[in-house]
Each structure stands twice: as structure tokens, then as C-alpha cells.
Amino acid sequence: MPSGNGRTPQICTGRSGAVPITVTEPNPSGPNTSGPACPRRGRDSQIADGSWHCGGAMPTGSQIPGVIATHGGTDLLCVQAEDSAGST
């Protein structure tokens, strides 16, 4: 997470935890409103290893669950969201 964003997840190396996220629709009142549908996550900015979590698999409570810190220090976690229209 970017420094200074006010969120401090407490995940220790090798342990599983959840990382808070916020997903919004950039044009909620426009004619093409579709709403957030699916997030995916990955360990690199291309999210090559991430699969979409949609429907019943979509995280609840504004959290990405099951994140495991792989080493001490800063871990990189990238999250991408898609709306119901398929836009990312």
C-alpha cells in the first residue's frame, strides 16, 4: 500500500491475512453504470498470476483475504478491479 494511505495491515512473514481495498465505479450516475464486479490480485504489476474473483468468490468486507507475506520488509501486492461491463 502506498505510504501515508492510513491503512496498516498486520501480516507477518509466512502468515496469512487480509488487505483492505476500496473499489468504486468512476461514473456511477452515467448511462453506462455497471458497478464493480470482480477484483484480482497478483505479486507483480502485470497481475499475470492473478485470477478474477467474481460472484460468490468476490471478497466481502472490502478485504482481499488469504494474502501471505513472502518475506520481511515490503511485499508488493497489486489489485485490479473490473466492472460488470468488463472495463478495468
PDB file of N, CA and C in Angstrom:
ATOM      1  N   MET A   1       0.833  -1.175   0.000  1.00  0.00           N
ATOM      2  CA  MET A   1       0.000   0.000   0.000  1.00  0.00           C
ATOM      3  C   MET A   1       0.875   1.234   0.000  1.00  0.00           C
ATOM      4  N   PRO A   2       0.415   2.266  -0.637  1.00  0.00           N
ATOM      5  CA  PRO A   2       1.209   3.493  -0.645  1.00  0.00           C
ATOM      6  C   PRO A   2       1.400   4.042   0.765  1.00  0.00           C
ATOM      7  N   SER A   3       2.561   4.557   1.000  1.00  0.00           N
ATOM      8  CA  SER A   3       2.858   5.150   2.296  1.00  0.00           C
ATOM      9  C   SER A   3       1.907   6.311   2.561  1.00  0.00           C
ATOM     10  N   GLY A   4       1.411   6.390   3.784  1.00  0.00           N
ATOM     11  CA  GLY A   4       0.553   7.503   4.157  1.00  0.00           C
ATOM     12  C   GLY A   4      -0.906   7.352   3.790  1.00  0.00           C
ATOM     13  N   ASN A   5      -1.336   6.152   3.371  1.00  0.00           N
ATOM     14  CA  ASN A   5      -2.739   5.986   2.988  1.00  0.00           C
ATOM     15  C   ASN A   5      -3.652   5.725   4.183  1.00  0.00           C
ATOM     16  N   GLY A   6      -3.095   5.638   5.391  1.00  0.00           N
ATOM     17  CA  GLY A   6      -3.907   5.458   6.582  1.00  0.00           C
ATOM     18  C   GLY A   6      -4.270   4.028   6.899  1.00  0.00           C
ATOM     19  N   ARG A   7      -3.821   3.085   6.105  1.00  0.00           N
ATOM     20  CA  ARG A   7      -4.128   1.671   6.343  1.00  0.00           C
ATOM     21  C   ARG A   7      -2.867   0.941   6.764  1.00  0.00           C
ATOM     22  N   THR A   8      -2.989   0.110   7.768  1.00  0.00           N
ATOM     23  CA  THR A   8      -1.833  -0.621   8.270  1.00  0.00           C
ATOM     24  C   THR A   8      -2.197  -2.085   8.489  1.00  0.00           C
ATOM     25  N   PRO A   9      -2.115  -2.924   7.447  1.00  0.00           N
ATOM     26  CA  PRO A   9      -2.387  -4.344   7.674  1.00  0.00           C
ATOM     27  C   PRO A   9      -1.264  -4.952   8.507  1.00  0.00           C
ATOM     28  N   GLN A  10      -1.622  -5.875   9.366  1.00  0.00           N
ATOM     29  CA  GLN A  10      -0.632  -6.516  10.236  1.00  0.00           C
ATOM     30  C   GLN A  10      -0.442  -7.962   9.802  1.00  0.00           C
ATOM     31  N   ILE A  11       0.323  -8.164   8.761  1.00  0.00           N
ATOM     32  CA  ILE A  11       0.587  -9.509   8.259  1.00  0.00           C
ATOM     33  C   ILE A  11       2.076  -9.784   8.423  1.00  0.00           C
ATOM     34  N   CYS A  12       2.399 -10.807   9.192  1.00  0.00           N
ATOM     35  CA  CYS A  12       3.799 -11.166   9.431  1.00  0.00           C
ATOM     36  C   CYS A  12       4.270 -12.168   8.390  1.00  0.00           C
ATOM     37  N   THR A  13       5.558 -12.223   8.168  1.00  0.00           N
ATOM     38  CA  THR A  13       6.156 -13.121   7.185  1.00  0.00           C
ATOM     39  C   THR A  13       5.677 -14.557   7.382  1.00  0.00           C
ATOM     40  N   GLY A  14       5.201 -15.157   6.290  1.00  0.00           N
ATOM     41  CA  GLY A  14       4.750 -16.539   6.310  1.00  0.00           C
ATOM     42  C   GLY A  14       3.345 -16.743   6.831  1.00  0.00           C
ATOM     43  N   ARG A  15       2.689 -15.699   7.287  1.00  0.00           N
ATOM     44  CA  ARG A  15       1.329 -15.817   7.820  1.00  0.00           C
ATOM     45  C   ARG A  15       0.318 -15.226   6.845  1.00  0.00           C
ATOM     46  N   SER A  16      -0.892 -15.746   6.928  1.00  0.00           N
ATOM     47  CA  SER A  16      -1.964 -15.287   6.062  1.00  0.00           C
ATOM     48  C   SER A  16      -2.746 -14.175   6.743  1.00  0.00           C
ATOM     49  N   GLY A  17      -3.208 -13.231   5.954  1.00  0.00           N
ATOM     50  CA  GLY A  17      -4.016 -12.133   6.474  1.00  0.00           C
ATOM     51  C   GLY A  17      -4.826 -11.513   5.357  1.00  0.00           C
ATOM     52  N   ALA A  18      -5.505 -10.436   5.678  1.00  0.00           N
ATOM     53  CA  ALA A  18      -6.334  -9.733   4.698  1.00  0.00           C
ATOM     54  C   ALA A  18      -5.824  -8.311   4.519  1.00  0.00           C
ATOM     55  N   VAL A  19      -5.929  -7.813   3.296  1.00  0.00           N
ATOM     56  CA  VAL A  19      -5.511  -6.450   2.975  1.00  0.00           C
ATOM     57  C   VAL A  19      -6.752  -5.665   2.567  1.00  0.00           C
ATOM     58  N   PRO A  20      -6.997  -4.511   3.193  1.00  0.00           N
ATOM     59  CA  PRO A  20      -8.188  -3.727   2.843  1.00  0.00           C
ATOM     60  C   PRO A  20      -8.067  -3.089   1.459  1.00  0.00           C
ATOM     61  N   ILE A  21      -9.193  -3.041   0.744  1.00  0.00           N
ATOM     62  CA  ILE A  21      -9.248  -2.393  -0.571  1.00  0.00           C
ATOM     63  C   ILE A  21     -10.519  -1.548  -0.657  1.00  0.00           C
ATOM     64  N   THR A  22     -10.534  -0.623  -1.594  1.00  0.00           N
ATOM     65  CA  THR A  22     -11.730   0.151  -1.916  1.00  0.00           C
ATOM     66  C   THR A  22     -11.909   0.107  -3.422  1.00  0.00           C
ATOM     67  N   VAL A  23     -13.070  -0.353  -3.882  1.00  0.00           N
ATOM     68  CA  VAL A  23     -13.375  -0.428  -5.310  1.00  0.00           C
ATOM     69  C   VAL A  23     -14.583   0.466  -5.557  1.00  0.00           C
ATOM     70  N   THR A  24     -14.457   1.387  -6.523  1.00  0.00           N
ATOM     71  CA  THR A  24     -15.568   2.287  -6.838  1.00  0.00           C
ATOM     72  C   THR A  24     -15.819   2.317  -8.343  1.00  0.00           C
ATOM     73  N   GLU A  25     -17.012   2.709  -8.706  1.00  0.00           N
ATOM     74  CA  GLU A  25     -17.390   2.906 -10.105  1.00  0.00           C
ATOM     75  C   GLU A  25     -17.116   4.374 -10.417  1.00  0.00           C
ATOM     76  N   PRO A  26     -16.260   4.699 -11.424  1.00  0.00           N
ATOM     77  CA  PRO A  26     -15.902   6.088 -11.679  1.00  0.00           C
ATOM     78  C   PRO A  26     -17.053   6.943 -12.222  1.00  0.00           C
ATOM     79  N   ASN A  27     -18.075   6.318 -12.802  1.00  0.00           N
ATOM     80  CA  ASN A  27     -19.185   7.079 -13.372  1.00  0.00           C
ATOM     81  C   ASN A  27     -20.511   6.474 -12.899  1.00  0.00           C
ATOM     82  N   PRO A  28     -20.791   6.523 -11.586  1.00  0.00           N
ATOM     83  CA  PRO A  28     -21.974   5.818 -11.069  1.00  0.00           C
ATOM     84  C   PRO A  28     -23.320   6.380 -11.519  1.00  0.00           C
ATOM     85  N   SER A  29     -23.350   7.613 -12.024  1.00  0.00           N
ATOM     86  CA  SER A  29     -24.630   8.186 -12.427  1.00  0.00           C
ATOM     87  C   SER A  29     -24.784   8.289 -13.938  1.00  0.00           C
ATOM     88  N   GLY A  30     -23.799   7.825 -14.679  1.00  0.00           N
ATOM     89  CA  GLY A  30     -23.860   7.931 -16.132  1.00  0.00           C
ATOM     90  C   GLY A  30     -24.737   6.867 -16.753  1.00  0.00           C
ATOM     91  N   PRO A  31     -24.921   6.932 -18.067  1.00  0.00           N
ATOM     92  CA  PRO A  31     -25.804   5.980 -18.753  1.00  0.00           C
ATOM     93  C   PRO A  31     -25.246   4.560 -18.807  1.00  0.00           C
ATOM     94  N   ASN A  32     -23.941   4.390 -18.596  1.00  0.00           N
ATOM     95  CA  ASN A  32     -23.328   3.067 -18.689  1.00  0.00           C
ATOM     96  C   ASN A  32     -22.896   2.526 -17.337  1.00  0.00           C
ATOM     97  N   THR A  33     -23.595   2.899 -16.276  1.00  0.00           N
ATOM     98  CA  THR A  33     -23.252   2.443 -14.942  1.00  0.00           C
ATOM     99  C   THR A  33     -23.384   0.932 -14.865  1.00  0.00           C
ATOM    100  N   SER A  34     -22.362   0.288 -14.350  1.00  0.00           N
ATOM    101  CA  SER A  34     -22.416  -1.166 -14.244  1.00  0.00           C
ATOM    102  C   SER A  34     -22.032  -1.662 -12.854  1.00  0.00           C
ATOM    103  N   GLY A  35     -21.252  -0.906 -12.122  1.00  0.00           N
ATOM    104  CA  GLY A  35     -20.870  -1.298 -10.771  1.00  0.00           C
ATOM    105  C   GLY A  35     -19.690  -2.241 -10.738  1.00  0.00           C
ATOM    106  N   PRO A  36     -18.927  -2.216  -9.650  1.00  0.00           N
ATOM    107  CA  PRO A  36     -17.783  -3.121  -9.502  1.00  0.00           C
ATOM    108  C   PRO A  36     -18.246  -4.574  -9.495  1.00  0.00           C
ATOM    109  N   ALA A  37     -17.507  -5.437 -10.164  1.00  0.00           N
ATOM    110  CA  ALA A  37     -17.917  -6.836 -10.255  1.00  0.00           C
ATOM    111  C   ALA A  37     -16.865  -7.809  -9.746  1.00  0.00           C
ATOM    112  N   CYS A  38     -15.614  -7.646 -10.160  1.00  0.00           N
ATOM    113  CA  CYS A  38     -14.602  -8.648  -9.845  1.00  0.00           C
ATOM    114  C   CYS A  38     -13.236  -8.010  -9.605  1.00  0.00           C
ATOM    115  N   PRO A  39     -12.562  -8.362  -8.516  1.00  0.00           N
ATOM    116  CA  PRO A  39     -11.165  -7.972  -8.356  1.00  0.00           C
ATOM    117  C   PRO A  39     -10.248  -9.165  -8.639  1.00  0.00           C
ATOM    118  N   ARG A  40      -9.004  -8.883  -8.918  1.00  0.00           N
ATOM    119  CA  ARG A  40      -7.983  -9.927  -8.976  1.00  0.00           C
ATOM    120  C   ARG A  40      -6.719  -9.345  -8.386  1.00  0.00           C
ATOM    121  N   ARG A  41      -5.820 -10.206  -7.969  1.00  0.00           N
ATOM    122  CA  ARG A  41      -4.597  -9.750  -7.330  1.00  0.00           C
ATOM    123  C   ARG A  41      -3.410 -10.515  -7.878  1.00  0.00           C
ATOM    124  N   GLY A  42      -2.237  -9.948  -7.706  1.00  0.00           N
ATOM    125  CA  GLY A  42      -1.013 -10.598  -8.147  1.00  0.00           C
ATOM    126  C   GLY A  42       0.183  -9.972  -7.471  1.00  0.00           C
ATOM    127  N   ARG A  43       1.326 -10.607  -7.609  1.00  0.00           N
ATOM    128  CA  ARG A  43       2.555 -10.141  -6.968  1.00  0.00           C
ATOM    129  C   ARG A  43       3.385  -9.245  -7.867  1.00  0.00           C
ATOM    130  N   ASP A  44       2.898  -8.976  -9.085  1.00  0.00           N
ATOM    131  CA  ASP A  44       3.616  -8.065  -9.975  1.00  0.00           C
ATOM    132  C   ASP A  44       2.607  -7.129 -10.623  1.00  0.00           C
ATOM    133  N   SER A  45       3.073  -6.049 -11.188  1.00  0.00           N
ATOM    134  CA  SER A  45       2.161  -5.039 -11.729  1.00  0.00           C
ATOM    135  C   SER A  45       1.375  -5.520 -12.944  1.00  0.00           C
ATOM    136  N   GLN A  46       1.784  -6.600 -13.571  1.00  0.00           N
ATOM    137  CA  GLN A  46       1.041  -7.147 -14.708  1.00  0.00           C
ATOM    138  C   GLN A  46      -0.074  -8.091 -14.251  1.00  0.00           C
ATOM    139  N   ILE A  47      -0.066  -8.465 -12.980  1.00  0.00           N
ATOM    140  CA  ILE A  47      -1.031  -9.385 -12.387  1.00  0.00           C
ATOM    141  C   ILE A  47      -1.160 -10.658 -13.234  1.00  0.00           C
ATOM    142  N   ALA A  48      -0.039 -11.110 -13.756  1.00  0.00           N
ATOM    143  CA  ALA A  48      -0.017 -12.286 -14.615  1.00  0.00           C
ATOM    144  C   ALA A  48      -0.469 -13.548 -13.885  1.00  0.00           C
ATOM    145  N   ASP A  49      -0.248 -13.605 -12.579  1.00  0.00           N
ATOM    146  CA  ASP A  49      -0.600 -14.805 -11.824  1.00  0.00           C
ATOM    147  C   ASP A  49      -1.956 -14.675 -11.122  1.00  0.00           C
ATOM    148  N   GLY A  50      -2.711 -13.611 -11.417  1.00  0.00           N
ATOM    149  CA  GLY A  50      -3.977 -13.370 -10.724  1.00  0.00           C
ATOM    150  C   GLY A  50      -5.172 -13.892 -11.486  1.00  0.00           C
ATOM    151  N   SER A  51      -6.133 -14.446 -10.763  1.00  0.00           N
ATOM    152  CA  SER A  51      -7.383 -14.867 -11.389  1.00  0.00           C
ATOM    153  C   SER A  51      -8.500 -13.980 -10.861  1.00  0.00           C
ATOM    154  N   TRP A  52      -9.534 -13.805 -11.664  1.00  0.00           N
ATOM    155  CA  TRP A  52     -10.662 -12.956 -11.273  1.00  0.00           C
ATOM    156  C   TRP A  52     -11.474 -13.659 -10.188  1.00  0.00           C
ATOM    157  N   HIS A  53     -11.955 -12.896  -9.203  1.00  0.00           N
ATOM    158  CA  HIS A  53     -12.800 -13.420  -8.127  1.00  0.00           C
ATOM    159  C   HIS A  53     -14.162 -12.746  -8.268  1.00  0.00           C
ATOM    160  N   CYS A  54     -15.097 -13.465  -8.909  1.00  0.00           N
ATOM    161  CA  CYS A  54     -16.393 -12.895  -9.237  1.00  0.00           C
ATOM    162  C   CYS A  54     -17.520 -13.635  -8.522  1.00  0.00           C
ATOM    163  N   GLY A  55     -18.707 -13.029  -8.546  1.00  0.00           N
ATOM    164  CA  GLY A  55     -19.883 -13.668  -7.962  1.00  0.00           C
ATOM    165  C   GLY A  55     -19.653 -14.029  -6.505  1.00  0.00           C
ATOM    166  N   GLY A  56     -19.899 -15.284  -6.165  1.00  0.00           N
ATOM    167  CA  GLY A  56     -19.731 -15.748  -4.795  1.00  0.00           C
ATOM    168  C   GLY A  56     -18.290 -15.759  -4.337  1.00  0.00           C
ATOM    169  N   ALA A  57     -17.345 -15.706  -5.289  1.00  0.00           N
ATOM    170  CA  ALA A  57     -15.921 -15.695  -4.932  1.00  0.00           C
ATOM    171  C   ALA A  57     -15.389 -14.284  -4.719  1.00  0.00           C
ATOM    172  N   MET A  58     -16.239 -13.264  -4.966  1.00  0.00           N
ATOM    173  CA  MET A  58     -15.799 -11.884  -4.779  1.00  0.00           C
ATOM    174  C   MET A  58     -15.598 -11.625  -3.285  1.00  0.00           C
ATOM    175  N   PRO A  59     -14.463 -11.033  -2.907  1.00  0.00           N
ATOM    176  CA  PRO A  59     -14.219 -10.757  -1.488  1.00  0.00           C
ATOM    177  C   PRO A  59     -15.299  -9.848  -0.901  1.00  0.00           C
ATOM    178  N   THR A  60     -15.636 -10.094   0.344  1.00  0.00           N
ATOM    179  CA  THR A  60     -16.609  -9.257   1.042  1.00  0.00           C
ATOM    180  C   THR A  60     -15.900  -8.450   2.110  1.00  0.00           C
ATOM    181  N   GLY A  61     -16.554  -7.415   2.580  1.00  0.00           N
ATOM    182  CA  GLY A  61     -15.976  -6.612   3.648  1.00  0.00           C
ATOM    183  C   GLY A  61     -14.810  -5.750   3.218  1.00  0.00           C
ATOM    184  N   SER A  62     -14.699  -5.469   1.911  1.00  0.00           N
ATOM    185  CA  SER A  62     -13.630  -4.618   1.389  1.00  0.00           C
ATOM    186  C   SER A  62     -12.243  -5.108   1.781  1.00  0.00           C
ATOM    187  N   GLN A  63     -12.039  -6.422   1.681  1.00  0.00           N
ATOM    188  CA  GLN A  63     -10.753  -7.022   2.037  1.00  0.00           C
ATOM    189  C   GLN A  63     -10.345  -8.048   0.982  1.00  0.00           C
ATOM    190  N   ILE A  64      -9.071  -8.123   0.717  1.00  0.00           N
ATOM    191  CA  ILE A  64      -8.514  -9.203  -0.092  1.00  0.00           C
ATOM    192  C   ILE A  64      -7.993 -10.230   0.922  1.00  0.00           C
ATOM    193  N   PRO A  65      -8.674 -11.385   1.058  1.00  0.00           N
ATOM    194  CA  PRO A  65      -8.264 -12.365   2.066  1.00  0.00           C
ATOM    195  C   PRO A  65      -7.146 -13.281   1.568  1.00  0.00           C
ATOM    196  N   GLY A  66      -6.539 -13.984   2.478  1.00  0.00           N
ATOM    197  CA  GLY A  66      -5.571 -15.020   2.127  1.00  0.00           C
ATOM    198  C   GLY A  66      -4.254 -14.514   1.576  1.00  0.00           C
ATOM    199  N   VAL A  67      -3.868 -13.296   1.926  1.00  0.00           N
ATOM    200  CA  VAL A  67      -2.591 -12.744   1.475  1.00  0.00           C
ATOM    201  C   VAL A  67      -1.503 -13.240   2.411  1.00  0.00           C
ATOM    202  N   ILE A  68      -0.446 -13.803   1.856  1.00  0.00           N
ATOM    203  CA  ILE A  68       0.670 -14.303   2.659  1.00  0.00           C
ATOM    204  C   ILE A  68       1.899 -13.455   2.374  1.00  0.00           C
ATOM    205  N   ALA A  69       2.450 -12.865   3.429  1.00  0.00           N
ATOM    206  CA  ALA A  69       3.683 -12.085   3.287  1.00  0.00           C
ATOM    207  C   ALA A  69       4.820 -13.071   2.995  1.00  0.00           C
ATOM    208  N   THR A  70       5.522 -12.862   1.889  1.00  0.00           N
ATOM    209  CA  THR A  70       6.537 -13.820   1.468  1.00  0.00           C
ATOM    210  C   THR A  70       7.906 -13.582   2.078  1.00  0.00           C
ATOM    211  N   HIS A  71       8.157 -12.371   2.571  1.00  0.00           N
ATOM    212  CA  HIS A  71       9.458 -12.082   3.172  1.00  0.00           C
ATOM    213  C   HIS A  71       9.335 -10.856   4.075  1.00  0.00           C
ATOM    214  N   GLY A  72      10.343 -10.637   4.890  1.00  0.00           N
ATOM    215  CA  GLY A  72      10.347  -9.461   5.757  1.00  0.00           C
ATOM    216  C   GLY A  72      10.498  -8.194   4.934  1.00  0.00           C
ATOM    217  N   GLY A  73      10.049  -7.088   5.465  1.00  0.00           N
ATOM    218  CA  GLY A  73      10.125  -5.826   4.736  1.00  0.00           C
ATOM    219  C   GLY A  73       8.874  -5.612   3.924  1.00  0.00           C
ATOM    220  N   THR A  74       9.015  -4.945   2.801  1.00  0.00           N
ATOM    221  CA  THR A  74       7.870  -4.588   1.971  1.00  0.00           C
ATOM    222  C   THR A  74       7.555  -5.684   0.973  1.00  0.00           C
ATOM    223  N   ASP A  75       6.306  -6.130   0.957  1.00  0.00           N
ATOM    224  CA  ASP A  75       5.804  -7.064  -0.050  1.00  0.00           C
ATOM    225  C   ASP A  75       4.954  -6.260  -1.024  1.00  0.00           C
ATOM    226  N   LEU A  76       4.970  -6.627  -2.295  1.00  0.00           N
ATOM    227  CA  LEU A  76       4.177  -5.952  -3.312  1.00  0.00           C
ATOM    228  C   LEU A  76       2.929  -6.772  -3.596  1.00  0.00           C
ATOM    229  N   LEU A  77       1.770  -6.142  -3.522  1.00  0.00           N
ATOM    230  CA  LEU A  77       0.512  -6.778  -3.877  1.00  0.00           C
ATOM    231  C   LEU A  77      -0.227  -5.817  -4.788  1.00  0.00           C
ATOM    232  N   CYS A  78      -0.523  -6.241  -6.000  1.00  0.00           N
ATOM    233  CA  CYS A  78      -1.244  -5.405  -6.958  1.00  0.00           C
ATOM    234  C   CYS A  78      -2.669  -5.932  -7.080  1.00  0.00           C
ATOM    235  N   VAL A  79      -3.641  -5.021  -7.096  1.00  0.00           N
ATOM    236  CA  VAL A  79      -5.047  -5.385  -7.213  1.00  0.00           C
ATOM    237  C   VAL A  79      -5.650  -4.615  -8.377  1.00  0.00           C
ATOM    238  N   GLN A  80      -6.399  -5.333  -9.209  1.00  0.00           N
ATOM    239  CA  GLN A  80      -7.095  -4.711 -10.338  1.00  0.00           C
ATOM    240  C   GLN A  80      -8.568  -5.076 -10.222  1.00  0.00           C
ATOM    241  N   ALA A  81      -9.454  -4.134 -10.499  1.00  0.00           N
ATOM    242  CA  ALA A  81     -10.897  -4.397 -10.433  1.00  0.00           C
ATOM    243  C   ALA A  81     -11.509  -4.256 -11.819  1.00  0.00           C
ATOM    244  N   GLU A  82     -12.542  -5.036 -12.055  1.00  0.00           N
ATOM    245  CA  GLU A  82     -13.284  -4.991 -13.313  1.00  0.00           C
ATOM    246  C   GLU A  82     -14.748  -4.715 -12.974  1.00  0.00           C
ATOM    247  N   ASP A  83     -15.434  -3.926 -13.815  1.00  0.00           N
ATOM    248  CA  ASP A  83     -16.843  -3.688 -13.553  1.00  0.00           C
ATOM    249  C   ASP A  83     -17.692  -4.688 -14.349  1.00  0.00           C
ATOM    250  N   SER A  84     -18.988  -4.618 -14.162  1.00  0.00           N
ATOM    251  CA  SER A  84     -19.893  -5.571 -14.814  1.00  0.00           C
ATOM    252  C   SER A  84     -19.872  -5.474 -16.330  1.00  0.00           C
ATOM    253  N   ALA A  85     -19.409  -4.335 -16.862  1.00  0.00           N
ATOM    254  CA  ALA A  85     -19.313  -4.164 -18.314  1.00  0.00           C
ATOM    255  C   ALA A  85     -17.996  -4.695 -18.869  1.00  0.00           C
ATOM    256  N   GLY A  86     -17.099  -5.156 -17.999  1.00  0.00           N
ATOM    257  CA  GLY A  86     -15.820  -5.691 -18.447  1.00  0.00           C
ATOM    258  C   GLY A  86     -14.703  -4.670 -18.522  1.00  0.00           C
ATOM    259  N   SER A  87     -14.929  -3.455 -18.022  1.00  0.00           N
ATOM    260  CA  SER A  87     -13.897  -2.417 -18.032  1.00  0.00           C
ATOM    261  C   SER A  87     -13.038  -2.562 -16.787  1.00  0.00           C
ATOM    262  N   THR A  88     -11.712  -2.353 -16.947  1.00  0.00           N
ATOM    263  CA  THR A  88     -10.798  -2.430 -15.803  1.00  0.00           C
ATOM    264  C   THR A  88     -10.284  -1.061 -15.461  1.00  0.00           C
TER     265      THR A  88
END
